[in-house]
Amino acid sequence: EPPQEQEEPLPEEAASPAAPVQEQPEPEAAAPEPPTEKTPAQAEPSQEDSPTEEPEDMDLSLDDADEAVAALGSLDELLDYAYSHKESDPNAAISAYRAAIDRYPDDSYAPFLIIELAGLYKERASYNEAINLYAESLGLPIIAGDDAMVQEFSKTLRYLGTVQDILNKHQALATPFSKLTPEILGEIEAEFAKRQAK
């Protein structure tokens, strides 16, 4: 019940005439808190500053992220953008890493970009994308020309295949890698060791 300046007995909150004055600023301060809220109709009345722009910035769709990344010129700009969005907006980071790999496939840093991008895919439980990324990267000259790198990437590719097989067996393919239980991780390691021994 909104408190009003009446002298009749009201709930204790409204006993002080200063209470109505103090309650109005609180909704304004609290309005920006839910960045995941995507309903413009709910966000607009709370604040006049159009807070609907904040959620879009914090959670870009892949198309919006691709557009933002297209405006970036150098590898350093792409890496800075990817790093700054890695936690808050993985879609944007994925777009930046993909663009960096596409634009600079011969750069000595390309293998690390592939590892970073695969890590983001694993955290989204996008194991197919991670597997495809490693498989395609074996054809890049910067990797194909380095035997140690080829062995490492091939090993990671086999490991991800094992992860996918075990998760499929447990009907847990939608589980991000960091959320896997110790039991499932142990089973993955045991199966991978068995496959490596063959």
Protein backbone atom coordinates (compact mmCIF):
# COMPACT_ATOMS: atom_id res chain seq x y z
CA GLU A 1 0.00 0.00 0.00
CA PRO A 2 1.59 3.35 -0.96
CA PRO A 3 1.89 5.47 2.21
CA GLN A 4 0.15 8.85 2.14
CA GLU A 5 0.32 11.94 4.32
CA GLN A 6 -2.63 11.14 6.54
CA GLU A 7 -2.86 11.36 10.30
CA GLU A 8 -5.08 8.34 10.65
CA PRO A 9 -3.48 5.25 12.18
CA LEU A 10 -1.58 3.56 9.32
CA PRO A 11 1.04 0.79 9.25
CA GLU A 12 4.20 1.71 11.14
CA GLU A 13 6.11 2.43 7.90
CA ALA A 14 3.84 5.38 7.11
CA ALA A 15 3.83 6.86 10.63
CA SER A 16 6.61 9.25 9.67
CA PRO A 17 5.55 11.94 7.14
CA ALA A 18 9.06 11.74 5.60
CA ALA A 19 8.52 8.11 4.49
CA PRO A 20 6.81 8.89 1.13
CA VAL A 21 9.65 11.23 0.14
CA GLN A 22 12.34 8.60 0.80
CA GLU A 23 10.64 5.74 -1.02
CA GLN A 24 10.51 7.32 -4.51
CA PRO A 25 14.27 7.37 -5.31
CA GLU A 26 14.64 3.64 -4.47
CA PRO A 27 12.88 2.26 -7.59
CA GLU A 28 15.11 4.47 -9.80
CA ALA A 29 18.28 3.12 -8.19
CA ALA A 30 17.04 -0.47 -8.35
CA ALA A 31 15.82 -0.29 -11.97
CA PRO A 32 19.16 -1.00 -13.73
CA GLU A 33 19.93 -4.06 -11.55
CA PRO A 34 18.32 -6.81 -13.70
CA PRO A 35 20.48 -6.70 -16.86
CA THR A 36 18.94 -9.99 -18.00
CA GLU A 37 15.48 -8.39 -18.16
CA LYS A 38 14.67 -8.07 -21.85
CA THR A 39 11.13 -6.67 -21.71
CA PRO A 40 11.28 -3.04 -22.92
CA ALA A 41 7.77 -2.35 -21.63
CA GLN A 42 8.87 -3.08 -18.07
CA ALA A 43 12.18 -1.26 -18.29
CA GLU A 44 10.95 2.06 -19.76
CA PRO A 45 8.64 3.27 -16.96
CA SER A 46 11.31 2.73 -14.30
CA GLN A 47 13.77 5.17 -15.82
CA GLU A 48 13.76 7.78 -18.54
CA ASP A 49 17.30 6.95 -19.73
CA SER A 50 16.16 4.02 -21.91
CA PRO A 51 17.72 1.16 -19.94
CA THR A 52 16.77 -1.28 -22.71
CA GLU A 53 20.15 -0.53 -24.32
CA GLU A 54 22.06 -2.08 -21.39
CA PRO A 55 20.71 -5.63 -21.72
CA GLU A 56 21.38 -5.58 -25.47
CA ASP A 57 24.99 -4.52 -24.87
CA MET A 58 25.50 -7.15 -22.18
CA ASP A 59 24.02 -10.01 -24.17
CA LEU A 60 24.47 -9.44 -27.87
CA SER A 61 22.98 -11.91 -30.30
CA LEU A 62 25.51 -13.50 -32.64
CA ASP A 63 24.36 -11.21 -35.49
CA ASP A 64 24.80 -8.07 -33.35
CA ALA A 65 28.15 -9.35 -32.11
CA ASP A 66 29.31 -10.04 -35.68
CA GLU A 67 28.36 -6.48 -36.60
CA ALA A 68 30.30 -5.01 -33.67
CA VAL A 69 33.32 -7.20 -34.44
CA ALA A 70 33.28 -6.25 -38.15
CA ALA A 71 34.11 -2.67 -37.13
CA LEU A 72 37.31 -3.77 -35.35
CA GLY A 73 40.49 -3.46 -37.40
CA SER A 74 43.56 -5.03 -35.86
CA LEU A 75 44.24 -8.34 -34.16
CA ASP A 76 44.92 -6.46 -30.91
CA GLU A 77 41.50 -4.79 -31.10
CA LEU A 78 39.82 -8.15 -31.69
CA LEU A 79 41.68 -9.74 -28.77
CA ASP A 80 40.89 -6.85 -26.42
CA TYR A 81 37.23 -7.03 -27.41
CA ALA A 82 37.11 -10.82 -26.96
CA TYR A 83 38.83 -10.65 -23.58
CA SER A 84 36.60 -7.87 -22.26
CA HIS A 85 33.41 -9.72 -23.31
CA LYS A 86 34.48 -13.25 -22.39
CA GLU A 87 32.56 -13.33 -19.09
CA SER A 88 29.76 -10.82 -19.67
CA ASP A 89 28.86 -11.75 -23.25
CA PRO A 90 30.31 -15.02 -24.60
CA ASN A 91 28.52 -14.52 -27.97
CA ALA A 92 30.55 -11.35 -28.57
CA ALA A 93 33.78 -13.06 -27.50
CA ILE A 94 33.08 -16.01 -29.80
CA SER A 95 32.51 -13.64 -32.74
CA ALA A 96 35.75 -11.80 -32.00
CA TYR A 97 37.83 -14.98 -31.74
CA ARG A 98 36.30 -16.39 -34.92
CA ALA A 99 37.02 -13.15 -36.77
CA ALA A 100 40.60 -13.11 -35.46
CA ILE A 101 41.19 -16.69 -36.65
CA ASP A 102 39.58 -15.99 -40.05
CA ARG A 103 41.50 -12.76 -40.62
CA TYR A 104 44.87 -13.80 -39.17
CA PRO A 105 45.18 -17.58 -39.74
CA ASP A 106 48.97 -17.36 -40.21
CA ASP A 107 49.65 -15.33 -37.08
CA SER A 108 51.77 -17.11 -34.49
CA TYR A 109 48.99 -16.45 -31.97
CA ALA A 110 46.35 -18.32 -34.03
CA PRO A 111 46.73 -21.66 -32.17
CA PHE A 112 46.03 -19.90 -28.86
CA LEU A 113 42.97 -18.22 -30.35
CA ILE A 114 41.68 -21.65 -31.37
CA ILE A 115 42.22 -22.98 -27.83
CA GLU A 116 40.42 -19.95 -26.33
CA LEU A 117 37.50 -20.27 -28.73
CA ALA A 118 37.19 -24.02 -28.12
CA GLY A 119 37.11 -23.27 -24.38
CA LEU A 120 34.16 -20.93 -24.87
CA TYR A 121 32.37 -23.58 -26.92
CA LYS A 122 32.92 -26.16 -24.16
CA GLU A 123 31.47 -23.76 -21.59
CA ARG A 124 28.36 -23.45 -23.74
CA ALA A 125 28.18 -27.24 -24.11
CA SER A 126 28.77 -26.71 -27.85
CA TYR A 127 30.99 -29.76 -28.17
CA ASN A 128 30.31 -30.21 -31.89
CA GLU A 129 31.56 -26.68 -32.58
CA ALA A 130 34.71 -27.31 -30.52
CA ILE A 131 35.37 -30.58 -32.39
CA ASN A 132 34.80 -28.96 -35.79
CA LEU A 133 37.07 -26.07 -34.84
CA TYR A 134 39.97 -28.36 -33.94
CA ALA A 135 39.41 -30.53 -37.03
CA GLU A 136 39.43 -27.51 -39.35
CA SER A 137 42.41 -25.93 -37.61
CA LEU A 138 44.59 -28.94 -38.45
CA GLY A 139 44.52 -27.66 -42.04
CA LEU A 140 45.89 -24.21 -41.15
CA PRO A 141 49.52 -23.84 -42.34
CA ILE A 142 50.60 -22.41 -38.95
CA ILE A 143 49.48 -25.65 -37.30
CA ALA A 144 50.03 -28.15 -40.12
CA GLY A 145 53.69 -27.09 -40.33
CA ASP A 146 54.34 -27.78 -36.63
CA ASP A 147 54.42 -31.50 -35.76
CA ALA A 148 54.13 -30.92 -32.01
CA MET A 149 51.10 -28.69 -32.56
CA VAL A 150 49.49 -31.26 -34.88
CA GLN A 151 49.96 -33.96 -32.23
CA GLU A 152 48.55 -31.74 -29.48
CA PHE A 153 45.52 -30.67 -31.52
CA SER A 154 44.87 -34.25 -32.67
CA LYS A 155 45.01 -35.42 -29.06
CA THR A 156 42.57 -32.68 -27.99
CA LEU A 157 40.30 -33.65 -30.86
CA ARG A 158 40.22 -37.27 -29.68
CA TYR A 159 39.62 -36.13 -26.10
CA LEU A 160 36.64 -33.99 -27.13
CA GLY A 161 35.25 -36.95 -29.06
CA THR A 162 35.51 -39.02 -25.88
CA VAL A 163 33.80 -36.26 -23.88
CA GLN A 164 30.96 -36.16 -26.38
CA ASP A 165 30.56 -39.96 -26.38
CA ILE A 166 30.45 -40.21 -22.58
CA LEU A 167 28.04 -37.28 -22.23
CA ASN A 168 25.84 -38.77 -24.91
CA LYS A 169 25.81 -42.05 -22.99
CA HIS A 170 24.66 -40.19 -19.85
CA GLN A 171 22.24 -37.99 -21.83
CA ALA A 172 24.18 -34.97 -20.57
CA LEU A 173 25.28 -33.34 -23.83
CA ALA A 174 23.78 -30.01 -22.71
CA THR A 175 26.11 -29.84 -19.68
CA PRO A 176 28.94 -27.28 -19.90
CA PHE A 177 32.37 -28.80 -19.35
CA SER A 178 32.97 -26.94 -16.07
CA LYS A 179 29.72 -28.36 -14.67
CA LEU A 180 30.57 -32.02 -15.25
CA THR A 181 30.53 -34.17 -12.12
CA PRO A 182 33.76 -35.77 -10.84
CA GLU A 183 32.26 -39.19 -11.68
CA ILE A 184 31.66 -38.27 -15.32
CA LEU A 185 35.08 -36.62 -15.59
CA GLY A 186 36.67 -39.78 -14.18
CA GLU A 187 34.82 -41.89 -16.71
CA ILE A 188 35.94 -39.58 -19.53
CA GLU A 189 39.58 -39.81 -18.41
CA ALA A 190 39.45 -43.60 -18.11
CA GLU A 191 37.86 -44.00 -21.55
CA PHE A 192 40.30 -41.56 -23.11
CA ALA A 193 43.29 -43.40 -21.62
CA LYS A 194 41.88 -46.67 -22.99
CA ARG A 195 41.50 -45.16 -26.48
CA GLN A 196 44.98 -43.65 -26.36
CA ALA A 197 46.46 -47.05 -25.51
CA LYS A 198 45.02 -48.66 -28.66
